[in-house]
Amino acid sequence: MIRFILIGLGGGLLFGIVDGLIGANPMGRRMAQPYGPIARESIRIVTGIVIDLFYGLAMAGVFILLYESLPGDGGILKGLGYALGIWFFRVVMYVVSHWMTFRIPTSSLVYTLVTGAMEMALLGVLYGLTLTPF
């Protein structure tokens, strides 16, 4: 159980760091410009960290719950299968709803799809290599 908690928190920390890198680089800032008029003026850092840590624990828990039903013999393949599912439900659905609701450039939506796929793959590999059901 301690291993699960540490890996879940580590995944949440990784999640936050990668999100920061995706949004803080010059291309990320350029792709986020269309959201400028509705974006907050400042980021709530502590709240964001707590949320990312919770997400890491939740995603690790769901990985363990789905472990037996994920494709592959174990390890990286199960992690990537999980990442594909999470990418669809978290990133693709977000992008499609934003495409339908807002006037967002296609390049911003594609950036979100690609970076989201990389982020989910990274987390999936982490969970696949380190987590198994109790």
N, C-alpha and C. Protein backbone atom coordinates (compact mmCIF):
# COMPACT_ATOMS: atom_id res chain seq x y z
N MET A 1 0.81 -1.19 0.00
CA MET A 1 0.00 0.00 0.00
C MET A 1 0.86 1.26 0.00
N ILE A 2 1.96 1.25 0.74
CA ILE A 2 2.86 2.41 0.77
C ILE A 2 3.43 2.65 -0.63
N ARG A 3 3.77 1.55 -1.31
CA ARG A 3 4.30 1.68 -2.68
C ARG A 3 3.27 2.34 -3.59
N PHE A 4 2.01 1.92 -3.49
CA PHE A 4 0.94 2.52 -4.29
C PHE A 4 0.84 4.01 -4.02
N ILE A 5 0.85 4.39 -2.75
CA ILE A 5 0.72 5.81 -2.38
C ILE A 5 1.91 6.61 -2.92
N LEU A 6 3.11 6.08 -2.75
CA LEU A 6 4.29 6.80 -3.25
C LEU A 6 4.27 6.94 -4.76
N ILE A 7 3.91 5.86 -5.46
CA ILE A 7 3.87 5.92 -6.93
C ILE A 7 2.73 6.82 -7.40
N GLY A 8 1.58 6.74 -6.71
CA GLY A 8 0.47 7.61 -7.05
C GLY A 8 0.81 9.07 -6.88
N LEU A 9 1.45 9.39 -5.74
CA LEU A 9 1.86 10.78 -5.51
C LEU A 9 2.95 11.20 -6.50
N GLY A 10 3.87 10.28 -6.79
CA GLY A 10 4.91 10.55 -7.79
C GLY A 10 4.31 10.79 -9.16
N GLY A 11 3.30 9.99 -9.51
CA GLY A 11 2.61 10.20 -10.78
C GLY A 11 1.92 11.54 -10.82
N GLY A 12 1.32 11.94 -9.70
CA GLY A 12 0.68 13.25 -9.64
C GLY A 12 1.68 14.39 -9.76
N LEU A 13 2.83 14.22 -9.12
CA LEU A 13 3.90 15.22 -9.23
C LEU A 13 4.39 15.30 -10.67
N LEU A 14 4.61 14.14 -11.28
CA LEU A 14 5.02 14.10 -12.69
C LEU A 14 3.97 14.76 -13.57
N PHE A 15 2.71 14.47 -13.28
CA PHE A 15 1.58 15.05 -14.02
C PHE A 15 1.65 16.58 -13.97
N GLY A 16 1.87 17.13 -12.78
CA GLY A 16 1.95 18.57 -12.62
C GLY A 16 3.15 19.18 -13.32
N ILE A 17 4.29 18.52 -13.21
CA ILE A 17 5.52 19.03 -13.85
C ILE A 17 5.36 19.04 -15.37
N VAL A 18 4.86 17.93 -15.91
CA VAL A 18 4.70 17.85 -17.37
C VAL A 18 3.66 18.87 -17.84
N ASP A 19 2.56 19.02 -17.09
CA ASP A 19 1.57 20.04 -17.45
C ASP A 19 2.21 21.43 -17.47
N GLY A 20 3.05 21.70 -16.47
CA GLY A 20 3.73 22.99 -16.43
C GLY A 20 4.65 23.19 -17.62
N LEU A 21 5.39 22.15 -17.97
CA LEU A 21 6.29 22.24 -19.12
C LEU A 21 5.52 22.42 -20.43
N ILE A 22 4.40 21.74 -20.53
CA ILE A 22 3.58 21.84 -21.74
C ILE A 22 3.02 23.25 -21.89
N GLY A 23 2.60 23.85 -20.79
CA GLY A 23 1.99 25.17 -20.86
C GLY A 23 2.96 26.32 -20.80
N ALA A 24 4.16 26.10 -20.24
CA ALA A 24 5.09 27.21 -20.03
C ALA A 24 6.07 27.43 -21.16
N ASN A 25 6.22 26.47 -22.05
CA ASN A 25 7.18 26.67 -23.14
C ASN A 25 6.60 27.64 -24.16
N PRO A 26 7.44 28.23 -25.01
CA PRO A 26 6.95 29.24 -25.95
C PRO A 26 5.80 28.76 -26.85
N MET A 27 5.89 27.52 -27.33
CA MET A 27 4.81 27.03 -28.19
C MET A 27 3.53 26.84 -27.37
N GLY A 28 3.65 26.33 -26.16
CA GLY A 28 2.48 26.15 -25.30
C GLY A 28 1.79 27.46 -24.98
N ARG A 29 2.58 28.49 -24.70
CA ARG A 29 1.99 29.80 -24.42
C ARG A 29 1.28 30.35 -25.66
N ARG A 30 1.88 30.14 -26.82
CA ARG A 30 1.26 30.62 -28.06
C ARG A 30 -0.05 29.86 -28.33
N MET A 31 -0.05 28.55 -28.07
CA MET A 31 -1.25 27.75 -28.31
C MET A 31 -2.37 28.07 -27.32
N ALA A 32 -2.02 28.60 -26.14
CA ALA A 32 -3.01 28.93 -25.12
C ALA A 32 -3.56 30.35 -25.26
N GLN A 33 -3.00 31.15 -26.16
CA GLN A 33 -3.44 32.54 -26.31
C GLN A 33 -4.94 32.69 -26.56
N PRO A 34 -5.57 31.81 -27.33
CA PRO A 34 -7.01 31.99 -27.54
C PRO A 34 -7.83 31.92 -26.24
N TYR A 35 -7.30 31.28 -25.21
CA TYR A 35 -8.00 31.19 -23.93
C TYR A 35 -7.73 32.40 -23.04
N GLY A 36 -6.86 33.32 -23.50
CA GLY A 36 -6.48 34.49 -22.71
C GLY A 36 -7.63 35.28 -22.12
N PRO A 37 -8.65 35.59 -22.90
CA PRO A 37 -9.75 36.40 -22.35
C PRO A 37 -10.52 35.73 -21.22
N ILE A 38 -10.50 34.42 -21.13
CA ILE A 38 -11.25 33.74 -20.08
C ILE A 38 -10.34 33.11 -19.02
N ALA A 39 -9.04 33.25 -19.19
CA ALA A 39 -8.09 32.64 -18.25
C ALA A 39 -7.96 33.47 -16.98
N ARG A 40 -7.62 32.81 -15.90
CA ARG A 40 -7.35 33.51 -14.64
C ARG A 40 -6.07 34.34 -14.80
N GLU A 41 -6.00 35.42 -14.05
CA GLU A 41 -4.82 36.28 -14.12
C GLU A 41 -3.63 35.68 -13.38
N SER A 42 -3.90 34.84 -12.38
CA SER A 42 -2.81 34.18 -11.66
C SER A 42 -3.19 32.72 -11.42
N ILE A 43 -2.17 31.91 -11.26
CA ILE A 43 -2.37 30.48 -11.05
C ILE A 43 -2.38 30.20 -9.56
N ARG A 44 -3.27 29.36 -9.13
CA ARG A 44 -3.33 28.94 -7.72
C ARG A 44 -2.42 27.73 -7.56
N ILE A 45 -1.16 27.99 -7.28
CA ILE A 45 -0.13 26.94 -7.30
C ILE A 45 -0.40 25.83 -6.29
N VAL A 46 -0.67 26.19 -5.05
CA VAL A 46 -0.89 25.17 -4.01
C VAL A 46 -2.10 24.30 -4.37
N THR A 47 -3.18 24.94 -4.77
CA THR A 47 -4.38 24.19 -5.16
C THR A 47 -4.07 23.28 -6.34
N GLY A 48 -3.33 23.77 -7.31
CA GLY A 48 -2.95 22.97 -8.46
C GLY A 48 -2.12 21.75 -8.08
N ILE A 49 -1.19 21.93 -7.16
CA ILE A 49 -0.35 20.81 -6.72
C ILE A 49 -1.20 19.76 -6.02
N VAL A 50 -2.09 20.20 -5.14
CA VAL A 50 -2.97 19.25 -4.43
C VAL A 50 -3.84 18.49 -5.42
N ILE A 51 -4.39 19.18 -6.38
CA ILE A 51 -5.23 18.53 -7.39
C ILE A 51 -4.41 17.52 -8.19
N ASP A 52 -3.20 17.89 -8.62
CA ASP A 52 -2.36 16.96 -9.38
C ASP A 52 -1.99 15.73 -8.56
N LEU A 53 -1.71 15.90 -7.28
CA LEU A 53 -1.40 14.76 -6.42
C LEU A 53 -2.62 13.84 -6.30
N PHE A 54 -3.79 14.43 -6.15
CA PHE A 54 -5.02 13.64 -6.10
C PHE A 54 -5.22 12.89 -7.42
N TYR A 55 -5.03 13.59 -8.54
CA TYR A 55 -5.16 12.94 -9.86
C TYR A 55 -4.21 11.75 -9.97
N GLY A 56 -2.98 11.93 -9.52
CA GLY A 56 -2.00 10.84 -9.59
C GLY A 56 -2.45 9.63 -8.81
N LEU A 57 -2.96 9.85 -7.59
CA LEU A 57 -3.47 8.74 -6.79
C LEU A 57 -4.69 8.09 -7.44
N ALA A 58 -5.60 8.93 -7.94
CA ALA A 58 -6.81 8.40 -8.58
C ALA A 58 -6.46 7.60 -9.83
N MET A 59 -5.57 8.12 -10.65
CA MET A 59 -5.20 7.42 -11.88
C MET A 59 -4.45 6.12 -11.58
N ALA A 60 -3.62 6.12 -10.55
CA ALA A 60 -2.94 4.89 -10.15
C ALA A 60 -3.95 3.87 -9.64
N GLY A 61 -4.93 4.32 -8.87
CA GLY A 61 -5.97 3.42 -8.37
C GLY A 61 -6.80 2.82 -9.48
N VAL A 62 -7.18 3.63 -10.45
CA VAL A 62 -7.95 3.12 -11.59
C VAL A 62 -7.11 2.14 -12.40
N PHE A 63 -5.81 2.42 -12.54
CA PHE A 63 -4.92 1.50 -13.25
C PHE A 63 -4.93 0.13 -12.57
N ILE A 64 -4.82 0.13 -11.25
CA ILE A 64 -4.82 -1.14 -10.52
C ILE A 64 -6.16 -1.85 -10.67
N LEU A 65 -7.25 -1.11 -10.60
CA LEU A 65 -8.57 -1.72 -10.76
C LEU A 65 -8.76 -2.33 -12.15
N LEU A 66 -8.23 -1.68 -13.17
CA LEU A 66 -8.39 -2.16 -14.55
C LEU A 66 -7.29 -3.12 -14.99
N TYR A 67 -6.28 -3.32 -14.17
CA TYR A 67 -5.06 -4.04 -14.55
C TYR A 67 -5.34 -5.34 -15.30
N GLU A 68 -6.19 -6.19 -14.76
CA GLU A 68 -6.44 -7.50 -15.38
C GLU A 68 -7.12 -7.39 -16.73
N SER A 69 -7.88 -6.34 -16.95
CA SER A 69 -8.60 -6.20 -18.21
C SER A 69 -7.83 -5.41 -19.27
N LEU A 70 -6.68 -4.87 -18.91
CA LEU A 70 -5.88 -4.11 -19.88
C LEU A 70 -5.17 -5.07 -20.82
N PRO A 71 -4.99 -4.66 -22.08
CA PRO A 71 -4.29 -5.53 -23.04
C PRO A 71 -2.81 -5.68 -22.69
N GLY A 72 -2.23 -6.79 -23.10
CA GLY A 72 -0.81 -7.03 -22.90
C GLY A 72 -0.55 -7.97 -21.73
N ASP A 73 0.68 -8.45 -21.69
CA ASP A 73 1.08 -9.39 -20.64
C ASP A 73 1.47 -8.68 -19.35
N GLY A 74 1.74 -7.44 -19.40
CA GLY A 74 2.13 -6.68 -18.21
C GLY A 74 3.05 -5.55 -18.58
N GLY A 75 3.47 -4.82 -17.58
CA GLY A 75 4.46 -3.77 -17.77
C GLY A 75 4.04 -2.68 -18.73
N ILE A 76 4.94 -2.41 -19.65
CA ILE A 76 4.75 -1.28 -20.56
C ILE A 76 3.49 -1.42 -21.41
N LEU A 77 3.18 -2.62 -21.88
CA LEU A 77 2.00 -2.78 -22.73
C LEU A 77 0.72 -2.46 -21.98
N LYS A 78 0.59 -2.93 -20.76
CA LYS A 78 -0.59 -2.59 -19.96
C LYS A 78 -0.63 -1.10 -19.68
N GLY A 79 0.51 -0.52 -19.40
CA GLY A 79 0.58 0.92 -19.15
C GLY A 79 0.19 1.74 -20.37
N LEU A 80 0.64 1.32 -21.54
CA LEU A 80 0.29 2.05 -22.76
C LEU A 80 -1.18 1.85 -23.13
N GLY A 81 -1.71 0.66 -22.87
CA GLY A 81 -3.14 0.44 -23.10
C GLY A 81 -3.98 1.34 -22.20
N TYR A 82 -3.57 1.45 -20.96
CA TYR A 82 -4.23 2.34 -20.01
C TYR A 82 -4.10 3.79 -20.48
N ALA A 83 -2.92 4.17 -20.90
CA ALA A 83 -2.67 5.53 -21.36
C ALA A 83 -3.58 5.89 -22.54
N LEU A 84 -3.78 4.94 -23.45
CA LEU A 84 -4.64 5.19 -24.61
C LEU A 84 -6.08 5.46 -24.16
N GLY A 85 -6.57 4.66 -23.21
CA GLY A 85 -7.92 4.88 -22.70
C GLY A 85 -8.05 6.21 -21.97
N ILE A 86 -7.09 6.51 -21.11
CA ILE A 86 -7.12 7.78 -20.37
C ILE A 86 -7.00 8.96 -21.34
N TRP A 87 -6.14 8.82 -22.34
CA TRP A 87 -5.99 9.89 -23.33
C TRP A 87 -7.32 10.16 -24.02
N PHE A 88 -8.04 9.10 -24.39
CA PHE A 88 -9.32 9.30 -25.06
C PHE A 88 -10.31 10.02 -24.14
N PHE A 89 -10.47 9.51 -22.92
CA PHE A 89 -11.48 10.07 -22.02
C PHE A 89 -11.09 11.42 -21.44
N ARG A 90 -9.81 11.69 -21.31
CA ARG A 90 -9.40 12.96 -20.72
C ARG A 90 -9.12 14.01 -21.79
N VAL A 91 -8.35 13.65 -22.79
CA VAL A 91 -7.84 14.64 -23.75
C VAL A 91 -8.73 14.75 -24.98
N VAL A 92 -9.02 13.64 -25.62
CA VAL A 92 -9.80 13.70 -26.87
C VAL A 92 -11.18 14.30 -26.62
N MET A 93 -11.84 13.85 -25.56
CA MET A 93 -13.18 14.40 -25.29
C MET A 93 -13.12 15.89 -24.95
N TYR A 94 -12.07 16.31 -24.25
CA TYR A 94 -11.86 17.73 -23.95
C TYR A 94 -11.69 18.53 -25.25
N VAL A 95 -10.84 18.02 -26.13
CA VAL A 95 -10.56 18.72 -27.38
C VAL A 95 -11.81 18.81 -28.26
N VAL A 96 -12.55 17.72 -28.37
CA VAL A 96 -13.75 17.73 -29.21
C VAL A 96 -14.79 18.71 -28.65
N SER A 97 -14.96 18.72 -27.34
CA SER A 97 -15.93 19.66 -26.77
C SER A 97 -15.48 21.11 -26.95
N HIS A 98 -14.18 21.37 -26.86
CA HIS A 98 -13.69 22.73 -27.11
C HIS A 98 -13.81 23.10 -28.58
N TRP A 99 -13.59 22.16 -29.46
CA TRP A 99 -13.74 22.40 -30.90
C TRP A 99 -15.18 22.78 -31.22
N MET A 100 -16.13 22.13 -30.55
CA MET A 100 -17.55 22.40 -30.81
C MET A 100 -18.04 23.67 -30.13
N THR A 101 -17.43 24.05 -29.01
CA THR A 101 -17.95 25.14 -28.19
C THR A 101 -17.27 26.49 -28.42
N PHE A 102 -15.96 26.47 -28.66
CA PHE A 102 -15.19 27.71 -28.75
C PHE A 102 -14.58 27.88 -30.13
N ARG A 103 -14.20 29.11 -30.43
CA ARG A 103 -13.44 29.40 -31.65
C ARG A 103 -11.96 29.30 -31.31
N ILE A 104 -11.46 28.08 -31.34
CA ILE A 104 -10.06 27.80 -31.00
C ILE A 104 -9.37 27.33 -32.28
N PRO A 105 -8.19 27.87 -32.57
CA PRO A 105 -7.47 27.43 -33.77
C PRO A 105 -7.19 25.93 -33.73
N THR A 106 -7.26 25.32 -34.88
CA THR A 106 -6.99 23.88 -34.99
C THR A 106 -5.61 23.55 -34.46
N SER A 107 -4.63 24.43 -34.67
CA SER A 107 -3.27 24.16 -34.19
C SER A 107 -3.24 24.03 -32.66
N SER A 108 -4.05 24.81 -31.95
CA SER A 108 -4.11 24.70 -30.49
C SER A 108 -4.72 23.37 -30.07
N LEU A 109 -5.73 22.94 -30.78
CA LEU A 109 -6.38 21.67 -30.46
C LEU A 109 -5.45 20.50 -30.76
N VAL A 110 -4.75 20.56 -31.87
CA VAL A 110 -3.80 19.49 -32.21
C VAL A 110 -2.66 19.45 -31.19
N TYR A 111 -2.19 20.61 -30.78
CA TYR A 111 -1.15 20.68 -29.74
C TYR A 111 -1.62 19.97 -28.48
N THR A 112 -2.84 20.23 -28.08
CA THR A 112 -3.40 19.58 -26.89
C THR A 112 -3.49 18.07 -27.09
N LEU A 113 -3.92 17.62 -28.26
CA LEU A 113 -4.00 16.18 -28.53
C LEU A 113 -2.63 15.52 -28.46
N VAL A 114 -1.64 16.12 -29.08
CA VAL A 114 -0.30 15.52 -29.14
C VAL A 114 0.37 15.55 -27.77
N THR A 115 0.37 16.70 -27.12
CA THR A 115 1.02 16.77 -25.82
C THR A 115 0.28 15.93 -24.78
N GLY A 116 -1.03 15.87 -24.90
CA GLY A 116 -1.81 15.02 -24.00
C GLY A 116 -1.48 13.55 -24.18
N ALA A 117 -1.27 13.13 -25.43
CA ALA A 117 -0.89 11.74 -25.70
C ALA A 117 0.47 11.42 -25.09
N MET A 118 1.41 12.36 -25.22
CA MET A 118 2.74 12.13 -24.63
C MET A 118 2.66 12.07 -23.11
N GLU A 119 1.89 12.96 -22.52
CA GLU A 119 1.74 13.00 -21.07
C GLU A 119 1.10 11.71 -20.55
N MET A 120 0.03 11.27 -21.20
CA MET A 120 -0.64 10.04 -20.76
C MET A 120 0.25 8.82 -20.97
N ALA A 121 1.01 8.80 -22.07
CA ALA A 121 1.93 7.68 -22.31
C ALA A 121 3.00 7.62 -21.22
N LEU A 122 3.51 8.76 -20.83
CA LEU A 122 4.52 8.81 -19.76
C LEU A 122 3.96 8.26 -18.45
N LEU A 123 2.76 8.70 -18.10
CA LEU A 123 2.13 8.19 -16.87
C LEU A 123 1.79 6.71 -16.99
N GLY A 124 1.31 6.30 -18.16
CA GLY A 124 0.98 4.89 -18.37
C GLY A 124 2.20 4.00 -18.23
N VAL A 125 3.32 4.42 -18.79
CA VAL A 125 4.55 3.63 -18.67
C VAL A 125 5.00 3.59 -17.21
N LEU A 126 4.93 4.72 -16.51
CA LEU A 126 5.28 4.73 -15.08
C LEU A 126 4.43 3.73 -14.31
N TYR A 127 3.12 3.80 -14.50
CA TYR A 127 2.25 2.88 -13.77
C TYR A 127 2.45 1.44 -14.22
N GLY A 128 2.64 1.23 -15.51
CA GLY A 128 2.83 -0.13 -16.02
C GLY A 128 4.08 -0.79 -15.51
N LEU A 129 5.14 -0.01 -15.33
CA LEU A 129 6.40 -0.58 -14.84
C LEU A 129 6.47 -0.72 -13.32
N THR A 130 5.61 0.00 -12.61
CA THR A 130 5.77 0.02 -11.16
C THR A 130 4.58 -0.52 -10.37
N LEU A 131 3.40 -0.60 -10.98
CA LEU A 131 2.21 -0.99 -10.23
C LEU A 131 1.64 -2.33 -10.70
N THR A 132 1.24 -3.14 -9.76
CA THR A 132 0.49 -4.37 -10.02
C THR A 132 -0.57 -4.47 -8.93
N PRO A 133 -1.62 -5.23 -9.17
CA PRO A 133 -2.64 -5.37 -8.12
C PRO A 133 -2.03 -5.92 -6.83
N PHE A 134 -2.61 -5.55 -5.72
CA PHE A 134 -2.10 -5.94 -4.40
C PHE A 134 -2.17 -7.44 -4.23
